[in-house]
Amino acid sequence: MADITRQALKRRRDSFTVVYWTDAKGHCWYPKWQFDGNNQVLPEVRAILELLHTHDTWHALTTFLVPAVGDLGESPLDLIRA
């Protein structure tokens, strides 16, 4: 994440184009799985975030990590990685 400025990350947060959460001290954390080798958010992640369009960071995060109910039982992140 060293290649991305704080201002760029704030723009991404404000435009719903990055997954993050904030700790009790107000620090923002960004899961590495959403970025490619050039520190760009994966297109699949951006598409899902665009559909969610929420500042509820825990909802956005768990959307990617919680397995779907059904035969496959895979999370959206599992499907993105497949």
Protein backbone atom coordinates (compact mmCIF):
# COMPACT_ATOMS: atom_id res chain seq x y z
CA MET A 1 0.00 0.00 0.00
CA ALA A 2 3.03 2.25 0.18
CA ASP A 3 2.51 3.22 -3.49
CA ILE A 4 -0.93 4.70 -2.84
CA THR A 5 -1.25 8.12 -1.23
CA ARG A 6 -3.60 8.78 1.67
CA GLN A 7 -5.52 11.19 -0.55
CA ALA A 8 -6.00 8.53 -3.22
CA LEU A 9 -7.26 6.06 -0.62
CA LYS A 10 -9.68 8.65 0.77
CA ARG A 11 -11.03 9.27 -2.76
CA ARG A 12 -11.51 5.52 -3.16
CA ARG A 13 -13.32 5.28 0.18
CA ASP A 14 -15.56 8.24 -0.68
CA SER A 15 -16.41 6.80 -4.09
CA PHE A 16 -17.13 3.25 -2.81
CA THR A 17 -14.25 1.75 -4.82
CA VAL A 18 -12.18 0.12 -2.07
CA VAL A 19 -12.89 -2.34 0.76
CA TYR A 20 -11.75 -1.08 4.14
CA TRP A 21 -12.62 -0.95 7.80
CA THR A 22 -11.81 1.50 10.56
CA ASP A 23 -10.42 0.48 13.93
CA ALA A 24 -11.28 2.03 17.31
CA LYS A 25 -8.57 4.66 16.86
CA GLY A 26 -9.94 5.75 13.46
CA HIS A 27 -7.21 4.10 11.39
CA CYS A 28 -8.33 2.63 8.07
CA TRP A 29 -7.26 -0.86 7.05
CA TYR A 30 -7.40 -2.33 3.54
CA PRO A 31 -7.42 -6.07 2.81
CA LYS A 32 -4.65 -7.02 0.37
CA TRP A 33 -6.85 -9.49 -1.52
CA GLN A 34 -8.68 -6.69 -3.33
CA PHE A 35 -5.57 -5.31 -5.06
CA ASP A 36 -3.67 -6.52 -8.10
CA GLY A 37 0.12 -6.32 -8.48
CA ASN A 38 -0.14 -2.63 -9.42
CA ASN A 39 -2.17 -1.70 -6.31
CA GLN A 40 -5.32 -1.33 -8.40
CA VAL A 41 -8.59 -2.65 -7.03
CA LEU A 42 -9.63 -5.78 -8.94
CA PRO A 43 -12.43 -5.06 -11.46
CA GLU A 44 -14.68 -7.70 -9.88
CA VAL A 45 -14.30 -6.07 -6.48
CA ARG A 46 -15.08 -2.64 -7.94
CA ALA A 47 -18.20 -4.01 -9.65
CA ILE A 48 -19.53 -5.52 -6.41
CA LEU A 49 -18.74 -2.35 -4.45
CA GLU A 50 -20.58 -0.30 -7.06
CA LEU A 51 -23.66 -2.47 -6.57
CA LEU A 52 -23.43 -2.24 -2.77
CA HIS A 53 -22.78 1.55 -2.78
CA THR A 54 -22.52 1.69 1.02
CA HIS A 55 -20.39 3.30 3.68
CA ASP A 56 -21.20 0.35 5.96
CA THR A 57 -17.68 -1.01 5.85
CA TRP A 58 -18.47 -4.22 7.73
CA HIS A 59 -21.30 -5.01 5.33
CA ALA A 60 -19.02 -4.47 2.34
CA LEU A 61 -16.24 -6.58 3.89
CA THR A 62 -18.47 -9.48 4.89
CA THR A 63 -20.14 -9.48 1.48
CA PHE A 64 -16.84 -10.68 0.05
CA LEU A 65 -15.94 -13.12 2.81
CA VAL A 66 -19.14 -14.90 3.87
CA PRO A 67 -19.98 -18.00 1.82
CA ALA A 68 -23.25 -17.96 -0.08
CA VAL A 69 -26.05 -20.27 0.89
CA GLY A 70 -26.53 -23.01 -1.66
CA ASP A 71 -24.77 -25.85 -3.39
CA LEU A 72 -21.43 -24.13 -3.96
CA GLY A 73 -21.10 -22.49 -0.55
CA GLU A 74 -18.39 -20.19 -1.85
CA SER A 75 -17.89 -16.55 -0.99
CA PRO A 76 -17.70 -13.89 -3.70
CA LEU A 77 -13.96 -13.66 -2.95
CA ASP A 78 -13.62 -17.41 -3.61
CA LEU A 79 -15.32 -16.93 -6.98
CA ILE A 80 -13.16 -13.94 -7.87
CA ARG A 81 -10.02 -15.98 -7.14
CA ALA A 82 -11.24 -19.00 -9.14
